[in-house]
C-alpha atoms as a PDB file:
ATOM      1  CA  MET A   1     -19.971  58.616 -15.880  1.00  0.00           C
ATOM      2  CA  THR A   2     -17.922  59.761 -18.875  1.00  0.00           C
ATOM      3  CA  GLN A   3     -19.884  61.145 -21.802  1.00  0.00           C
ATOM      4  CA  GLN A   4     -18.761  61.624 -25.374  1.00  0.00           C
ATOM      5  CA  GLN A   5     -19.313  65.078 -26.827  1.00  0.00           C
ATOM      6  CA  SER A   6     -21.469  65.040 -29.951  1.00  0.00           C
ATOM      7  CA  VAL A   7     -22.299  68.731 -30.488  1.00  0.00           C
ATOM      8  CA  ASN A   8     -19.845  71.086 -32.171  1.00  0.00           C
ATOM      9  CA  HIS A   9     -19.267  74.535 -30.661  1.00  0.00           C
ATOM     10  CA  TYR A  10     -17.297  76.791 -33.008  1.00  0.00           C
ATOM     11  CA  LEU A  11     -14.594  78.441 -30.921  1.00  0.00           C
ATOM     12  CA  LEU A  12     -14.445  82.037 -32.146  1.00  0.00           C
ATOM     13  CA  TYR A  13     -13.518  85.012 -29.996  1.00  0.00           C
ATOM     14  CA  GLY A  14     -14.416  88.591 -30.877  1.00  0.00           C
ATOM     15  CA  THR A  15     -16.364  89.578 -33.982  1.00  0.00           C
ATOM     16  CA  LEU A  16     -15.416  89.349 -37.596  1.00  0.00           C
ATOM     17  CA  SER A  17     -15.537  93.146 -37.893  1.00  0.00           C
ATOM     18  CA  GLU A  18     -12.941  93.680 -35.191  1.00  0.00           C
ATOM     19  CA  HIS A  19      -9.209  93.360 -35.792  1.00  0.00           C
ATOM     20  CA  HIS A  20      -8.504  91.525 -32.517  1.00  0.00           C
ATOM     21  CA  ASN A  21     -10.709  88.490 -33.094  1.00  0.00           C
ATOM     22  CA  TYR A  22      -9.037  85.078 -33.151  1.00  0.00           C
ATOM     23  CA  GLN A  23     -10.010  81.452 -33.279  1.00  0.00           C
ATOM     24  CA  GLU A  24      -8.505  78.309 -31.754  1.00  0.00           C
ATOM     25  CA  ASN A  25      -7.067  75.633 -33.980  1.00  0.00           C
ATOM     26  CA  ILE A  26      -4.870  72.598 -33.590  1.00  0.00           C
ATOM     27  CA  TYR A  27      -2.753  70.494 -35.933  1.00  0.00           C
ATOM     28  CA  VAL A  28      -3.027  66.767 -35.277  1.00  0.00           C
ATOM     29  CA  THR A  29      -1.480  63.775 -37.023  1.00  0.00           C
ATOM     30  CA  ILE A  30      -3.905  60.866 -37.222  1.00  0.00           C
ATOM     31  CA  ASN A  31      -3.243  57.684 -39.172  1.00  0.00           C
ATOM     32  CA  GLY A  32      -0.139  59.302 -40.626  1.00  0.00           C
ATOM     33  CA  LEU A  33      -2.168  62.191 -42.016  1.00  0.00           C
ATOM     34  CA  GLY A  34      -1.741  65.744 -40.703  1.00  0.00           C
ATOM     35  CA  LEU A  35      -5.059  67.478 -40.020  1.00  0.00           C
ATOM     36  CA  ARG A  36      -5.782  71.007 -38.806  1.00  0.00           C
ATOM     37  CA  TYR A  37      -8.939  71.370 -36.731  1.00  0.00           C
ATOM     38  CA  THR A  38     -10.649  74.772 -36.606  1.00  0.00           C
ATOM     39  CA  ARG A  39     -14.441  74.806 -36.920  1.00  0.00           C
ATOM     40  CA  THR A  40     -14.722  71.226 -35.605  1.00  0.00           C
ATOM     41  CA  LEU A  41     -12.105  71.623 -32.877  1.00  0.00           C
ATOM     42  CA  SER A  42     -14.596  71.096 -30.059  1.00  0.00           C
ATOM     43  CA  LEU A  43     -15.399  67.657 -31.453  1.00  0.00           C
ATOM     44  CA  LEU A  44     -11.785  66.533 -31.232  1.00  0.00           C
ATOM     45  CA  THR A  45     -10.955  64.633 -28.058  1.00  0.00           C
ATOM     46  CA  CYS A  46      -7.181  64.388 -27.935  1.00  0.00           C
ATOM     47  CA  ILE A  47      -4.444  63.972 -25.329  1.00  0.00           C
ATOM     48  CA  ASP A  48      -0.910  64.746 -26.492  1.00  0.00           C
ATOM     49  CA  MET A  49       1.725  64.747 -23.741  1.00  0.00           C
ATOM     50  CA  SER A  50       4.605  63.571 -25.884  1.00  0.00           C
ATOM     51  CA  GLY A  51       8.160  64.559 -24.975  1.00  0.00           C
ATOM     52  CA  ASN A  52       7.353  65.842 -21.493  1.00  0.00           C
ATOM     53  CA  ASN A  53       9.698  63.655 -19.411  1.00  0.00           C
ATOM     54  CA  LEU A  54       6.744  61.994 -17.689  1.00  0.00           C
ATOM     55  CA  SER A  55       7.507  59.007 -15.446  1.00  0.00           C
ATOM     56  CA  GLY A  56       5.631  56.350 -13.511  1.00  0.00           C
ATOM     57  CA  GLU A  57       3.214  53.676 -14.640  1.00  0.00           C
ATOM     58  CA  LEU A  58       0.577  54.174 -17.296  1.00  0.00           C
ATOM     59  CA  PRO A  59      -2.585  54.947 -15.273  1.00  0.00           C
ATOM     60  CA  GLU A  60      -5.466  52.577 -15.914  1.00  0.00           C
ATOM     61  CA  ALA A  61      -7.855  55.457 -15.226  1.00  0.00           C
ATOM     62  CA  ILE A  62      -6.992  56.917 -18.620  1.00  0.00           C
ATOM     63  CA  THR A  63      -8.957  54.083 -20.208  1.00  0.00           C
ATOM     64  CA  LYS A  64     -12.110  55.544 -18.638  1.00  0.00           C
ATOM     65  CA  LEU A  65     -11.992  58.388 -21.182  1.00  0.00           C
ATOM     66  CA  VAL A  66     -14.199  56.431 -23.541  1.00  0.00           C
ATOM     67  CA  GLY A  67     -14.610  59.316 -25.992  1.00  0.00           C
ATOM     68  CA  LEU A  68     -10.855  59.713 -26.519  1.00  0.00           C
ATOM     69  CA  GLU A  69      -9.807  59.626 -30.164  1.00  0.00           C
ATOM     70  CA  VAL A  70      -6.085  60.459 -30.049  1.00  0.00           C
ATOM     71  CA  LEU A  71      -3.647  59.458 -27.291  1.00  0.00           C
ATOM     72  CA  ASN A  72       0.023  60.378 -27.652  1.00  0.00           C
ATOM     73  CA  LEU A  73       2.335  59.714 -24.693  1.00  0.00           C
ATOM     74  CA  SER A  74       5.470  59.062 -26.735  1.00  0.00           C
ATOM     75  CA  ARG A  75       9.053  59.999 -25.772  1.00  0.00           C
ATOM     76  CA  ASN A  76       8.561  59.928 -22.003  1.00  0.00           C
ATOM     77  CA  HIS A  77       9.682  57.555 -19.235  1.00  0.00           C
ATOM     78  CA  ILE A  78       6.396  55.766 -18.658  1.00  0.00           C
ATOM     79  CA  SER A  79       6.787  52.267 -17.211  1.00  0.00           C
ATOM     80  CA  GLY A  80       4.538  49.374 -16.264  1.00  0.00           C
ATOM     81  CA  GLN A  81       2.253  47.466 -18.592  1.00  0.00           C
ATOM     82  CA  ILE A  82      -0.360  48.456 -21.128  1.00  0.00           C
ATOM     83  CA  PRO A  83      -3.632  47.863 -19.234  1.00  0.00           C
ATOM     84  CA  GLU A  84      -6.012  45.201 -20.502  1.00  0.00           C
ATOM     85  CA  SER A  85      -8.778  47.798 -20.237  1.00  0.00           C
ATOM     86  CA  ILE A  86      -7.237  49.707 -23.178  1.00  0.00           C
ATOM     87  CA  SER A  87     -10.062  48.083 -25.155  1.00  0.00           C
ATOM     88  CA  GLU A  88     -12.505  50.457 -23.436  1.00  0.00           C
ATOM     89  CA  LEU A  89     -11.227  53.300 -25.661  1.00  0.00           C
ATOM     90  CA  ARG A  90     -13.512  52.199 -28.480  1.00  0.00           C
ATOM     91  CA  GLN A  91     -13.372  55.551 -30.304  1.00  0.00           C
ATOM     92  CA  LEU A  92      -9.571  55.597 -30.420  1.00  0.00           C
ATOM     93  CA  LEU A  93      -8.166  56.470 -33.839  1.00  0.00           C
ATOM     94  CA  SER A  94      -4.494  56.910 -32.986  1.00  0.00           C
ATOM     95  CA  LEU A  95      -2.353  55.484 -30.155  1.00  0.00           C
ATOM     96  CA  ASP A  96       1.325  56.368 -29.740  1.00  0.00           C
ATOM     97  CA  LEU A  97       3.209  54.953 -26.736  1.00  0.00           C
ATOM     98  CA  SER A  98       6.617  54.772 -28.405  1.00  0.00           C
ATOM     99  CA  GLY A  99       9.899  55.697 -26.740  1.00  0.00           C
ATOM    100  CA  ASN A 100       8.983  54.712 -23.179  1.00  0.00           C
ATOM    101  CA  THR A 101       9.941  51.819 -20.871  1.00  0.00           C
ATOM    102  CA  LEU A 102       6.699  49.859 -21.017  1.00  0.00           C
ATOM    103  CA  SER A 103       7.059  46.142 -20.340  1.00  0.00           C
ATOM    104  CA  GLY A 104       4.983  42.984 -20.476  1.00  0.00           C
ATOM    105  CA  PRO A 105       2.749  41.820 -23.321  1.00  0.00           C
ATOM    106  CA  ILE A 106       0.564  43.796 -25.684  1.00  0.00           C
ATOM    107  CA  PRO A 107      -2.987  43.044 -24.467  1.00  0.00           C
ATOM    108  CA  GLN A 108      -4.971  40.810 -26.796  1.00  0.00           C
ATOM    109  CA  SER A 109      -7.975  43.030 -26.087  1.00  0.00           C
ATOM    110  CA  ILE A 110      -6.405  45.825 -28.150  1.00  0.00           C
ATOM    111  CA  SER A 111      -7.595  43.933 -31.243  1.00  0.00           C
ATOM    112  CA  SER A 112     -11.157  45.030 -30.455  1.00  0.00           C
ATOM    113  CA  LEU A 113     -10.342  48.691 -31.228  1.00  0.00           C
ATOM    114  CA  THR A 114     -11.917  48.605 -34.667  1.00  0.00           C
ATOM    115  CA  PHE A 115     -11.384  52.331 -35.366  1.00  0.00           C
ATOM    116  CA  LEU A 116      -7.675  52.238 -34.548  1.00  0.00           C
ATOM    117  CA  GLY A 117      -5.831  53.288 -37.687  1.00  0.00           C
ATOM    118  CA  SER A 118      -2.461  54.342 -36.266  1.00  0.00           C
ATOM    119  CA  LEU A 119      -0.444  52.448 -33.637  1.00  0.00           C
ATOM    120  CA  ASN A 120       3.116  52.947 -32.450  1.00  0.00           C
ATOM    121  CA  VAL A 121       4.547  51.039 -29.468  1.00  0.00           C
ATOM    122  CA  SER A 122       8.125  50.919 -30.760  1.00  0.00           C
ATOM    123  CA  ASN A 123      11.226  51.316 -28.586  1.00  0.00           C
ATOM    124  CA  ASN A 124       9.883  49.900 -25.337  1.00  0.00           C
ATOM    125  CA  ASN A 125      10.542  46.685 -23.391  1.00  0.00           C
ATOM    126  CA  LEU A 126       7.415  44.853 -24.500  1.00  0.00           C
ATOM    127  CA  SER A 127       7.497  41.070 -24.814  1.00  0.00           C
ATOM    128  CA  GLY A 128       5.402  38.140 -25.980  1.00  0.00           C
ATOM    129  CA  ILE A 129       3.382  37.515 -29.104  1.00  0.00           C
ATOM    130  CA  ILE A 130       1.898  40.420 -31.054  1.00  0.00           C
ATOM    131  CA  PRO A 131      -1.920  40.268 -31.374  1.00  0.00           C
ATOM    132  CA  SER A 132      -2.737  39.618 -35.018  1.00  0.00           C
ATOM    133  CA  THR A 133      -6.520  39.794 -35.357  1.00  0.00           C
ATOM    134  CA  ASN A 134      -8.775  42.573 -36.651  1.00  0.00           C
ATOM    135  CA  GLN A 135      -7.036  45.974 -36.844  1.00  0.00           C
ATOM    136  CA  MET A 136      -3.771  44.606 -35.441  1.00  0.00           C
ATOM    137  CA  SER A 137      -3.145  42.756 -38.697  1.00  0.00           C
ATOM    138  CA  THR A 138      -2.970  46.057 -40.608  1.00  0.00           C
ATOM    139  CA  PHE A 139       0.119  47.520 -38.904  1.00  0.00           C
ATOM    140  CA  ASN A 140       3.648  47.048 -40.218  1.00  0.00           C
ATOM    141  CA  ALA A 141       6.844  46.112 -38.387  1.00  0.00           C
ATOM    142  CA  SER A 142       7.808  49.723 -37.641  1.00  0.00           C
ATOM    143  CA  SER A 143       4.921  49.925 -35.162  1.00  0.00           C
ATOM    144  CA  PHE A 144       6.609  47.285 -32.968  1.00  0.00           C
ATOM    145  CA  ALA A 145      10.337  47.795 -33.661  1.00  0.00           C
ATOM    146  CA  GLY A 146      12.802  48.182 -30.806  1.00  0.00           C
ATOM    147  CA  ASN A 147      11.155  45.583 -28.548  1.00  0.00           C
ATOM    148  CA  PRO A 148      13.556  42.583 -28.498  1.00  0.00           C
ATOM    149  CA  GLY A 149      11.052  40.499 -26.539  1.00  0.00           C
ATOM    150  CA  LEU A 150       8.245  40.753 -29.104  1.00  0.00           C
ATOM    151  CA  CYS A 151       7.650  38.046 -31.689  1.00  0.00           C
ATOM    152  CA  GLY A 152       5.198  37.095 -34.409  1.00  0.00           C
ATOM    153  CA  ASP A 153       3.830  38.938 -37.435  1.00  0.00           C
ATOM    154  CA  PRO A 154       4.574  41.495 -38.750  1.00  0.00           C
ATOM    155  CA  LEU A 155       8.075  41.043 -37.242  1.00  0.00           C
ATOM    156  CA  THR A 156      10.458  38.497 -38.736  1.00  0.00           C
ATOM    157  CA  VAL A 157      11.096  37.057 -35.260  1.00  0.00           C
ATOM    158  CA  LYS A 158       9.188  33.808 -34.830  1.00  0.00           C
ATOM    159  CA  CYS A 159       7.687  32.767 -31.498  1.00  0.00           C
ATOM    160  CA  SER A 160       8.531  29.565 -29.675  1.00  0.00           C
ATOM    161  CA  ASN A 161       5.598  27.188 -29.888  1.00  0.00           C
ATOM    162  CA  ASP A 162       4.781  26.935 -26.192  1.00  0.00           C
ATOM    163  CA  SER A 163       1.146  28.004 -26.308  1.00  0.00           C
ATOM    164  CA  ASN A 164      -0.133  24.419 -26.618  1.00  0.00           C
ATOM    165  CA  ASN A 165       1.538  23.564 -23.337  1.00  0.00           C
ATOM    166  CA  GLY A 166       0.153  26.548 -21.492  1.00  0.00           C
ATOM    167  CA  GLY A 167       3.489  28.343 -21.575  1.00  0.00           C
ATOM    168  CA  ASP A 168       4.386  31.844 -22.608  1.00  0.00           C
ATOM    169  CA  ASN A 169       5.498  32.816 -26.089  1.00  0.00           C
ATOM    170  CA  TYR A 170       9.079  33.976 -26.529  1.00  0.00           C
ATOM    171  CA  PRO A 171      11.250  34.694 -29.567  1.00  0.00           C
ATOM    172  CA  GLU A 172      13.021  31.600 -30.872  1.00  0.00           C
ATOM    173  CA  GLY A 173      16.521  31.417 -29.426  1.00  0.00           C
ATOM    174  CA  GLY A 174      15.571  33.806 -26.601  1.00  0.00           C
ATOM    175  CA  GLY A 175      13.160  34.305 -23.761  1.00  0.00           C
ATOM    176  CA  LYS A 176      13.577  32.641 -20.407  1.00  0.00           C
ATOM    177  CA  ALA A 177      17.051  31.540 -19.361  1.00  0.00           C
ATOM    178  CA  ASP A 178      16.135  27.867 -19.155  1.00  0.00           C
ATOM    179  CA  ARG A 179      15.157  27.962 -22.833  1.00  0.00           C
ATOM    180  CA  THR A 180      18.298  29.573 -24.163  1.00  0.00           C
ATOM    181  CA  ASP A 181      20.445  26.427 -24.355  1.00  0.00           C
ATOM    182  CA  ASN A 182      17.913  24.620 -26.629  1.00  0.00           C
ATOM    183  CA  GLY A 183      18.826  21.290 -24.991  1.00  0.00           C
ATOM    184  CA  ASN A 184      22.594  21.647 -25.471  1.00  0.00           C
ATOM    185  CA  GLY A 185      23.214  21.186 -21.756  1.00  0.00           C
ATOM    186  CA  PHE A 186      21.606  17.742 -21.899  1.00  0.00           C
ATOM    187  CA  ILE A 187      23.787  16.781 -24.869  1.00  0.00           C
ATOM    188  CA  ASP A 188      26.971  18.017 -23.158  1.00  0.00           C
ATOM    189  CA  LYS A 189      26.265  15.884 -20.091  1.00  0.00           C
ATOM    190  CA  TRP A 190      25.988  12.738 -22.193  1.00  0.00           C
ATOM    191  CA  PHE A 191      29.124  13.680 -24.127  1.00  0.00           C
ATOM    192  CA  TYR A 192      31.283  13.992 -21.012  1.00  0.00           C
ATOM    193  CA  MET A 193      29.765  10.869 -19.484  1.00  0.00           C
ATOM    194  CA  SER A 194      30.652   8.867 -22.598  1.00  0.00           C
ATOM    195  CA  ILE A 195      34.240  10.148 -22.469  1.00  0.00           C
ATOM    196  CA  GLY A 196      34.556   9.088 -18.825  1.00  0.00           C
ATOM    197  CA  VAL A 197      33.129   5.636 -19.480  1.00  0.00           C
ATOM    198  CA  GLY A 198      35.406   5.150 -22.487  1.00  0.00           C
ATOM    199  CA  PHE A 199      38.496   6.187 -20.526  1.00  0.00           C
ATOM    200  CA  ALA A 200      37.665   3.833 -17.669  1.00  0.00           C
ATOM    201  CA  ALA A 201      37.008   0.980 -20.082  1.00  0.00           C
ATOM    202  CA  GLY A 202      40.344   1.605 -21.812  1.00  0.00           C
ATOM    203  CA  LEU A 203      42.179   1.222 -18.508  1.00  0.00           C
ATOM    204  CA  LEU A 204      40.283  -1.762 -17.136  1.00  0.00           C
ATOM    205  CA  LEU A 205      39.878  -3.849 -20.291  1.00  0.00           C
ATOM    206  CA  PRO A 206      43.567  -4.952 -20.591  1.00  0.00           C
ATOM    207  CA  TYR A 207      43.639  -5.977 -16.928  1.00  0.00           C
ATOM    208  CA  LEU A 208      40.458  -8.008 -17.318  1.00  0.00           C
ATOM    209  CA  VAL A 209      41.824  -9.733 -20.410  1.00  0.00           C
ATOM    210  CA  PHE A 210      45.150 -10.475 -18.765  1.00  0.00           C
ATOM    211  CA  ALA A 211      43.417 -11.807 -15.669  1.00  0.00           C
ATOM    212  CA  MET A 212      41.467 -14.302 -17.782  1.00  0.00           C
ATOM    213  CA  LYS A 213      44.368 -15.180 -20.103  1.00  0.00           C
ATOM    214  CA  ARG A 214      47.646 -15.187 -18.221  1.00  0.00           C
ATOM    215  CA  SER A 215      49.550 -16.281 -21.342  1.00  0.00           C
ATOM    216  CA  TRP A 216      48.405 -13.125 -23.153  1.00  0.00           C
ATOM    217  CA  GLY A 217      49.529 -11.082 -20.191  1.00  0.00           C
ATOM    218  CA  GLY A 218      53.003 -12.582 -20.366  1.00  0.00           C
ATOM    219  CA  VAL A 219      53.310 -11.829 -24.071  1.00  0.00           C
ATOM    220  CA  TYR A 220      52.068  -8.272 -23.564  1.00  0.00           C
ATOM    221  CA  PHE A 221      54.468  -7.438 -20.743  1.00  0.00           C
ATOM    222  CA  ALA A 222      57.358  -9.122 -22.585  1.00  0.00           C
ATOM    223  CA  PHE A 223      56.618  -6.912 -25.592  1.00  0.00           C
ATOM    224  CA  VAL A 224      56.557  -3.796 -23.417  1.00  0.00           C
ATOM    225  CA  ASP A 225      59.839  -4.737 -21.704  1.00  0.00           C
ATOM    226  CA  GLY A 226      61.532  -5.479 -25.021  1.00  0.00           C
ATOM    227  CA  THR A 227      60.440  -2.195 -26.530  1.00  0.00           C
ATOM    228  CA  ALA A 228      61.654  -0.247 -23.512  1.00  0.00           C
ATOM    229  CA  TYR A 229      65.028  -2.081 -23.623  1.00  0.00           C
ATOM    230  CA  ARG A 230      65.585  -1.333 -27.320  1.00  0.00           C
ATOM    231  CA  LEU A 231      64.757   2.346 -26.863  1.00  0.00           C
ATOM    232  CA  SER A 232      67.110   2.665 -23.925  1.00  0.00           C
ATOM    233  CA  MET A 233      69.954   0.978 -25.856  1.00  0.00           C
ATOM    234  CA  LYS A 234      69.531   3.389 -28.778  1.00  0.00           C
ATOM    235  CA  TYR A 235      69.597   6.336 -26.393  1.00  0.00           C
ATOM    236  CA  PHE A 236      72.803   5.216 -24.649  1.00  0.00           C
ATOM    237  CA  SER A 237      74.568   4.417 -27.960  1.00  0.00           C
ATOM    238  CA  LYS A 238      73.827   7.911 -29.296  1.00  0.00           C
ATOM    239  CA  SER A 239      75.044   9.549 -26.108  1.00  0.00           C
ATOM    240  CA  ARG A 240      78.373   7.684 -26.343  1.00  0.00           C
ATOM    241  CA  ILE A 241      78.928   8.776 -29.935  1.00  0.00           C
ATOM    242  CA  VAL A 242      78.355  12.414 -29.026  1.00  0.00           C
END
């Protein structure tokens, strides 16, 4: 069972009277604020593996480190999804997963991390609606930038309203392929069908009229013959003059 350290042990080597004594210290950025830990270093529980070319899925076992306060895995090649059990890291102050290839939604359970003051999941392949309750409502758009599939506040991309129908949330005008046409395919089908019906009606209507009224048919065909005769006479007269 994982235990959280609660007793500080000052890490000092050598004695103050000797010239070769030294002490451990670390500089950590938490909540956008740079802090140097020296006398309280042993109380800091931090994992920083940023920029190490790591690959593979984000291990769910890391969420068993319940005393973890800072987790920075940015600028690697970590794939897979953010585990739902991320909410087990209740002491987490800072989480940076930016610059990876993480996919899927941001777990709604992340909203329960009440101490989380710094979050960066930008430049991944995350999708779906951004959780907006509790601490998640305090982060700005830069924390989620570079994820075309994400939607909802604080981004300007609105989500499609599919949640009432049990569907997934996608950015308006995007998401699944069958949603991209916004019904235009249905409209196009009716458009072409109406053209076909109109063309057929234009051809059949005169024949139906002439079949019912033979006198109209005679007048119509006489008019067509006369027009054709006059045009042909004009053509031959011009050709003779030339």
